Amino acid sequence: MPSLGCRPNPAVAQKEDVIEIASRNQRVRALLLVPARPAGSVILLAGGHGNLALSKDGSIGWGAGNQLVRTRAAYSKAGFATPVPDIAPDSSKAAAALPAIAGRNAMPGTSAP
């Protein structure tokens, strides 16, 4: 389980949804896991070129082995709403939308797949 410097409430992750985020005059697909009572949110950004090639059903075309993408469910199980966007969108818009879901948020990223 990731250590993120705070103690979230225990929560059980719900199913993973595919959402779209408005960013720079386009729609960016993202995977989203939200526990029943999120303590905050963690936006996970894949490294490398960041193009996960997410399909409409949430299948990952590239980067499934990326550390953050691969461990995304652990963040949700720890009590955090966890979006994983395809090609990093305008992060300020993504971060601005999350407090409505989960209050506080953080945005870790990786530099390699």
N, C-alpha and C. Protein backbone atom coordinates (compact mmCIF):
# COMPACT_ATOMS: atom_id res chain seq x y z
N MET A 1 0.84 -1.17 0.00
CA MET A 1 0.00 0.00 0.00
C MET A 1 0.89 1.23 0.00
N PRO A 2 0.59 2.26 -0.79
CA PRO A 2 1.45 3.43 -0.86
C PRO A 2 1.39 4.24 0.42
N SER A 3 2.50 4.85 0.79
CA SER A 3 2.55 5.74 1.93
C SER A 3 2.53 7.16 1.39
N LEU A 4 1.48 7.90 1.70
CA LEU A 4 1.32 9.23 1.13
C LEU A 4 1.34 10.32 2.19
N GLY A 5 1.79 10.02 3.40
CA GLY A 5 1.97 11.04 4.40
C GLY A 5 0.71 11.41 5.16
N CYS A 6 -0.38 10.72 4.99
CA CYS A 6 -1.59 10.98 5.77
C CYS A 6 -2.29 9.66 6.03
N ARG A 7 -3.21 9.66 6.94
CA ARG A 7 -3.89 8.42 7.31
C ARG A 7 -5.33 8.47 6.82
N PRO A 8 -5.63 7.89 5.68
CA PRO A 8 -7.00 7.90 5.17
C PRO A 8 -7.90 6.97 5.95
N ASN A 9 -9.20 7.21 5.85
CA ASN A 9 -10.18 6.30 6.43
C ASN A 9 -10.16 5.00 5.63
N PRO A 10 -10.33 3.87 6.28
CA PRO A 10 -10.41 2.61 5.53
C PRO A 10 -11.58 2.68 4.55
N ALA A 11 -11.37 2.22 3.37
CA ALA A 11 -12.43 2.23 2.37
C ALA A 11 -12.22 1.08 1.41
N VAL A 12 -13.27 0.63 0.82
CA VAL A 12 -13.19 -0.44 -0.16
C VAL A 12 -13.37 0.18 -1.54
N ALA A 13 -12.47 -0.12 -2.45
CA ALA A 13 -12.53 0.44 -3.79
C ALA A 13 -13.77 -0.06 -4.52
N GLN A 14 -14.34 0.82 -5.32
CA GLN A 14 -15.47 0.45 -6.15
C GLN A 14 -14.94 0.07 -7.52
N LYS A 15 -15.85 -0.20 -8.45
CA LYS A 15 -15.42 -0.58 -9.79
C LYS A 15 -14.71 0.59 -10.48
N GLU A 16 -13.92 0.25 -11.47
CA GLU A 16 -13.18 1.25 -12.22
C GLU A 16 -14.06 1.79 -13.34
N ASP A 17 -14.19 3.11 -13.41
CA ASP A 17 -14.99 3.75 -14.45
C ASP A 17 -14.07 4.39 -15.49
N VAL A 18 -14.59 4.55 -16.70
CA VAL A 18 -13.90 5.29 -17.75
C VAL A 18 -14.63 6.62 -17.85
N ILE A 19 -13.88 7.72 -17.67
CA ILE A 19 -14.46 9.06 -17.73
C ILE A 19 -13.75 9.86 -18.81
N GLU A 20 -14.27 11.03 -19.12
CA GLU A 20 -13.59 11.95 -20.03
C GLU A 20 -13.44 13.29 -19.33
N ILE A 21 -12.26 13.89 -19.47
CA ILE A 21 -11.93 15.16 -18.85
C ILE A 21 -11.76 16.19 -19.96
N ALA A 22 -12.43 17.33 -19.84
CA ALA A 22 -12.25 18.41 -20.81
C ALA A 22 -10.88 19.05 -20.55
N SER A 23 -10.05 19.11 -21.58
CA SER A 23 -8.71 19.67 -21.44
C SER A 23 -8.24 20.24 -22.76
N ARG A 24 -7.87 21.50 -22.74
CA ARG A 24 -7.30 22.17 -23.92
C ARG A 24 -8.16 21.95 -25.16
N ASN A 25 -9.44 22.21 -25.04
CA ASN A 25 -10.40 22.11 -26.15
C ASN A 25 -10.52 20.70 -26.72
N GLN A 26 -10.28 19.69 -25.89
CA GLN A 26 -10.47 18.30 -26.31
C GLN A 26 -10.94 17.49 -25.11
N ARG A 27 -11.30 16.25 -25.34
CA ARG A 27 -11.72 15.34 -24.28
C ARG A 27 -10.62 14.30 -24.09
N VAL A 28 -10.19 14.11 -22.87
CA VAL A 28 -9.14 13.14 -22.55
C VAL A 28 -9.76 12.03 -21.71
N ARG A 29 -9.60 10.81 -22.16
CA ARG A 29 -10.14 9.65 -21.45
C ARG A 29 -9.28 9.36 -20.22
N ALA A 30 -9.92 8.88 -19.14
CA ALA A 30 -9.20 8.53 -17.91
C ALA A 30 -9.90 7.36 -17.23
N LEU A 31 -9.12 6.59 -16.48
CA LEU A 31 -9.67 5.56 -15.61
C LEU A 31 -9.90 6.22 -14.26
N LEU A 32 -10.97 5.85 -13.56
CA LEU A 32 -11.28 6.45 -12.26
C LEU A 32 -11.76 5.38 -11.29
N LEU A 33 -11.08 5.31 -10.16
CA LEU A 33 -11.49 4.45 -9.04
C LEU A 33 -11.86 5.37 -7.88
N VAL A 34 -13.03 5.17 -7.29
CA VAL A 34 -13.47 6.01 -6.17
C VAL A 34 -13.96 5.10 -5.04
N PRO A 35 -13.32 5.17 -3.86
CA PRO A 35 -13.81 4.38 -2.74
C PRO A 35 -15.11 4.97 -2.20
N ALA A 36 -15.78 4.24 -1.35
CA ALA A 36 -17.06 4.69 -0.80
C ALA A 36 -16.95 6.03 -0.08
N ARG A 37 -15.89 6.22 0.69
CA ARG A 37 -15.67 7.47 1.43
C ARG A 37 -14.24 7.94 1.20
N PRO A 38 -13.98 8.64 0.10
CA PRO A 38 -12.59 9.06 -0.18
C PRO A 38 -12.07 10.07 0.84
N ALA A 39 -10.82 9.88 1.23
CA ALA A 39 -10.15 10.79 2.16
C ALA A 39 -9.45 11.91 1.40
N GLY A 40 -9.28 11.75 0.11
CA GLY A 40 -8.59 12.70 -0.75
C GLY A 40 -8.49 12.08 -2.12
N SER A 41 -7.66 12.66 -2.97
CA SER A 41 -7.49 12.10 -4.30
C SER A 41 -6.03 12.12 -4.71
N VAL A 42 -5.68 11.20 -5.59
CA VAL A 42 -4.32 11.10 -6.12
C VAL A 42 -4.45 10.92 -7.63
N ILE A 43 -4.01 11.91 -8.39
CA ILE A 43 -4.02 11.82 -9.85
C ILE A 43 -2.72 11.14 -10.26
N LEU A 44 -2.82 10.00 -10.91
CA LEU A 44 -1.63 9.23 -11.30
C LEU A 44 -1.31 9.49 -12.76
N LEU A 45 -0.11 10.00 -13.01
CA LEU A 45 0.33 10.32 -14.37
C LEU A 45 1.41 9.34 -14.81
N ALA A 46 1.14 8.62 -15.89
CA ALA A 46 2.12 7.66 -16.42
C ALA A 46 3.31 8.42 -17.00
N GLY A 47 4.48 7.82 -16.90
CA GLY A 47 5.68 8.43 -17.44
C GLY A 47 5.83 8.16 -18.93
N GLY A 48 7.02 8.46 -19.43
CA GLY A 48 7.27 8.31 -20.86
C GLY A 48 6.42 9.30 -21.62
N HIS A 49 5.86 8.88 -22.74
CA HIS A 49 5.02 9.79 -23.53
C HIS A 49 3.63 9.93 -22.92
N GLY A 50 3.25 9.07 -21.96
CA GLY A 50 1.99 9.21 -21.25
C GLY A 50 0.74 8.79 -22.00
N ASN A 51 0.91 8.33 -23.24
CA ASN A 51 -0.25 7.93 -24.04
C ASN A 51 -0.61 6.49 -23.71
N LEU A 52 -1.61 6.31 -22.84
CA LEU A 52 -2.04 4.97 -22.44
C LEU A 52 -2.91 4.31 -23.49
N ALA A 53 -3.34 5.06 -24.47
CA ALA A 53 -4.22 4.54 -25.53
C ALA A 53 -5.43 3.84 -24.92
N LEU A 54 -6.10 4.53 -23.98
CA LEU A 54 -7.27 3.95 -23.32
C LEU A 54 -8.43 3.80 -24.29
N SER A 55 -9.02 2.62 -24.29
CA SER A 55 -10.19 2.39 -25.14
C SER A 55 -11.44 2.81 -24.37
N LYS A 56 -12.57 2.84 -25.05
CA LYS A 56 -13.83 3.22 -24.41
C LYS A 56 -14.20 2.29 -23.27
N ASP A 57 -13.75 1.02 -23.35
CA ASP A 57 -14.07 0.07 -22.28
C ASP A 57 -13.02 0.06 -21.17
N GLY A 58 -12.00 0.95 -21.27
CA GLY A 58 -10.98 1.06 -20.24
C GLY A 58 -9.76 0.19 -20.44
N SER A 59 -9.69 -0.53 -21.55
CA SER A 59 -8.50 -1.33 -21.84
C SER A 59 -7.32 -0.40 -22.07
N ILE A 60 -6.16 -0.81 -21.53
CA ILE A 60 -4.95 -0.02 -21.65
C ILE A 60 -4.13 -0.55 -22.81
N GLY A 61 -3.87 0.31 -23.81
CA GLY A 61 -3.11 -0.10 -24.98
C GLY A 61 -1.61 0.00 -24.79
N TRP A 62 -1.14 0.89 -23.90
CA TRP A 62 0.28 1.07 -23.61
C TRP A 62 0.41 1.46 -22.15
N GLY A 63 1.46 1.02 -21.47
CA GLY A 63 1.77 1.48 -20.12
C GLY A 63 1.12 0.70 -18.99
N ALA A 64 0.51 -0.45 -19.27
CA ALA A 64 -0.11 -1.22 -18.20
C ALA A 64 0.92 -1.64 -17.14
N GLY A 65 2.19 -1.76 -17.55
CA GLY A 65 3.24 -2.14 -16.62
C GLY A 65 3.85 -0.98 -15.87
N ASN A 66 3.46 0.26 -16.19
CA ASN A 66 3.96 1.43 -15.49
C ASN A 66 3.63 1.31 -14.00
N GLN A 67 4.55 1.66 -13.12
CA GLN A 67 4.37 1.45 -11.68
C GLN A 67 3.09 2.10 -11.16
N LEU A 68 2.81 3.33 -11.53
CA LEU A 68 1.60 4.00 -11.03
C LEU A 68 0.33 3.42 -11.64
N VAL A 69 0.37 3.12 -12.92
CA VAL A 69 -0.80 2.54 -13.59
C VAL A 69 -1.08 1.15 -13.01
N ARG A 70 -0.03 0.37 -12.84
CA ARG A 70 -0.15 -1.00 -12.35
C ARG A 70 -0.68 -1.06 -10.91
N THR A 71 -0.33 -0.09 -10.08
CA THR A 71 -0.71 -0.12 -8.65
C THR A 71 -1.88 0.81 -8.32
N ARG A 72 -2.62 1.28 -9.32
CA ARG A 72 -3.69 2.26 -9.10
C ARG A 72 -4.75 1.80 -8.11
N ALA A 73 -5.08 0.53 -8.10
CA ALA A 73 -6.11 0.04 -7.18
C ALA A 73 -5.67 0.14 -5.72
N ALA A 74 -4.37 0.07 -5.45
CA ALA A 74 -3.88 0.17 -4.08
C ALA A 74 -4.18 1.55 -3.49
N TYR A 75 -4.09 2.60 -4.30
CA TYR A 75 -4.39 3.95 -3.81
C TYR A 75 -5.87 4.06 -3.45
N SER A 76 -6.72 3.50 -4.27
CA SER A 76 -8.15 3.53 -4.01
C SER A 76 -8.49 2.69 -2.77
N LYS A 77 -7.87 1.53 -2.65
CA LYS A 77 -8.11 0.69 -1.47
C LYS A 77 -7.64 1.38 -0.20
N ALA A 78 -6.65 2.28 -0.33
CA ALA A 78 -6.16 3.05 0.82
C ALA A 78 -7.07 4.24 1.14
N GLY A 79 -8.11 4.45 0.31
CA GLY A 79 -9.08 5.50 0.61
C GLY A 79 -9.02 6.73 -0.27
N PHE A 80 -8.29 6.66 -1.38
CA PHE A 80 -8.14 7.83 -2.25
C PHE A 80 -8.87 7.65 -3.58
N ALA A 81 -9.60 8.69 -4.01
CA ALA A 81 -10.13 8.71 -5.38
C ALA A 81 -8.92 8.75 -6.29
N THR A 82 -8.91 7.90 -7.32
CA THR A 82 -7.70 7.71 -8.12
C THR A 82 -7.98 7.77 -9.62
N PRO A 83 -7.81 8.95 -10.23
CA PRO A 83 -7.91 9.03 -11.69
C PRO A 83 -6.55 8.78 -12.34
N VAL A 84 -6.57 8.09 -13.48
CA VAL A 84 -5.37 7.84 -14.27
C VAL A 84 -5.67 8.33 -15.69
N PRO A 85 -5.25 9.56 -16.02
CA PRO A 85 -5.57 10.11 -17.34
C PRO A 85 -4.66 9.59 -18.45
N ASP A 86 -5.22 9.50 -19.64
CA ASP A 86 -4.47 9.18 -20.85
C ASP A 86 -3.81 10.47 -21.32
N ILE A 87 -2.56 10.44 -21.66
CA ILE A 87 -1.78 11.64 -22.01
C ILE A 87 -2.15 12.77 -21.06
N ALA A 88 -1.23 13.13 -20.21
CA ALA A 88 -1.48 14.10 -19.15
C ALA A 88 -2.27 15.30 -19.67
N PRO A 89 -3.50 15.46 -19.17
CA PRO A 89 -4.31 16.61 -19.57
C PRO A 89 -3.84 17.86 -18.87
N ASP A 90 -4.53 18.93 -19.06
CA ASP A 90 -4.27 20.17 -18.33
C ASP A 90 -4.47 19.83 -16.86
N SER A 91 -3.38 19.65 -16.14
CA SER A 91 -3.47 19.16 -14.77
C SER A 91 -4.23 20.10 -13.85
N SER A 92 -4.24 21.39 -14.14
CA SER A 92 -4.98 22.32 -13.29
C SER A 92 -6.48 22.04 -13.36
N LYS A 93 -7.00 21.65 -14.55
CA LYS A 93 -8.43 21.33 -14.67
C LYS A 93 -8.76 20.04 -13.95
N ALA A 94 -7.89 19.05 -14.07
CA ALA A 94 -8.14 17.78 -13.39
C ALA A 94 -8.10 17.99 -11.87
N ALA A 95 -7.11 18.72 -11.39
CA ALA A 95 -6.99 18.96 -9.96
C ALA A 95 -8.15 19.80 -9.44
N ALA A 96 -8.65 20.73 -10.25
CA ALA A 96 -9.76 21.58 -9.83
C ALA A 96 -11.06 20.79 -9.69
N ALA A 97 -11.23 19.73 -10.49
CA ALA A 97 -12.46 18.94 -10.45
C ALA A 97 -12.49 17.96 -9.28
N LEU A 98 -11.34 17.53 -8.79
CA LEU A 98 -11.30 16.48 -7.78
C LEU A 98 -11.76 16.87 -6.38
N PRO A 99 -11.58 18.10 -5.91
CA PRO A 99 -12.07 18.41 -4.57
C PRO A 99 -13.57 18.14 -4.39
N ALA A 100 -14.32 18.25 -5.45
CA ALA A 100 -15.76 17.95 -5.37
C ALA A 100 -15.98 16.47 -5.08
N ILE A 101 -15.05 15.62 -5.52
CA ILE A 101 -15.16 14.17 -5.29
C ILE A 101 -14.54 13.80 -3.94
N ALA A 102 -13.37 14.37 -3.64
CA ALA A 102 -12.62 13.83 -2.52
C ALA A 102 -11.86 14.82 -1.66
N GLY A 103 -12.07 16.10 -1.81
CA GLY A 103 -11.33 17.04 -0.96
C GLY A 103 -9.90 17.22 -1.42
N ARG A 104 -8.95 16.95 -0.53
CA ARG A 104 -7.52 17.14 -0.84
C ARG A 104 -7.06 16.22 -1.96
N ASN A 105 -6.01 16.67 -2.70
CA ASN A 105 -5.48 15.79 -3.74
C ASN A 105 -3.98 15.96 -3.90
N ALA A 106 -3.35 14.96 -4.52
CA ALA A 106 -1.93 14.96 -4.84
C ALA A 106 -1.79 14.44 -6.26
N MET A 107 -0.64 14.75 -6.90
CA MET A 107 -0.45 14.34 -8.29
C MET A 107 0.95 13.77 -8.50
N PRO A 108 1.18 12.48 -8.19
CA PRO A 108 2.48 11.88 -8.50
C PRO A 108 2.56 11.48 -9.97
N GLY A 109 3.76 11.43 -10.49
CA GLY A 109 3.97 10.99 -11.87
C GLY A 109 5.25 10.18 -11.96
N THR A 110 5.40 9.43 -13.02
CA THR A 110 6.62 8.67 -13.23
C THR A 110 7.27 9.12 -14.51
N SER A 111 8.57 8.83 -14.64
CA SER A 111 9.28 9.29 -15.82
C SER A 111 9.53 8.21 -16.85
N ALA A 112 9.20 6.97 -16.54
CA ALA A 112 9.44 5.88 -17.48
C ALA A 112 8.34 4.84 -17.37
N PRO A 113 8.08 4.10 -18.46
CA PRO A 113 7.05 3.07 -18.39
C PRO A 113 7.51 1.97 -17.55
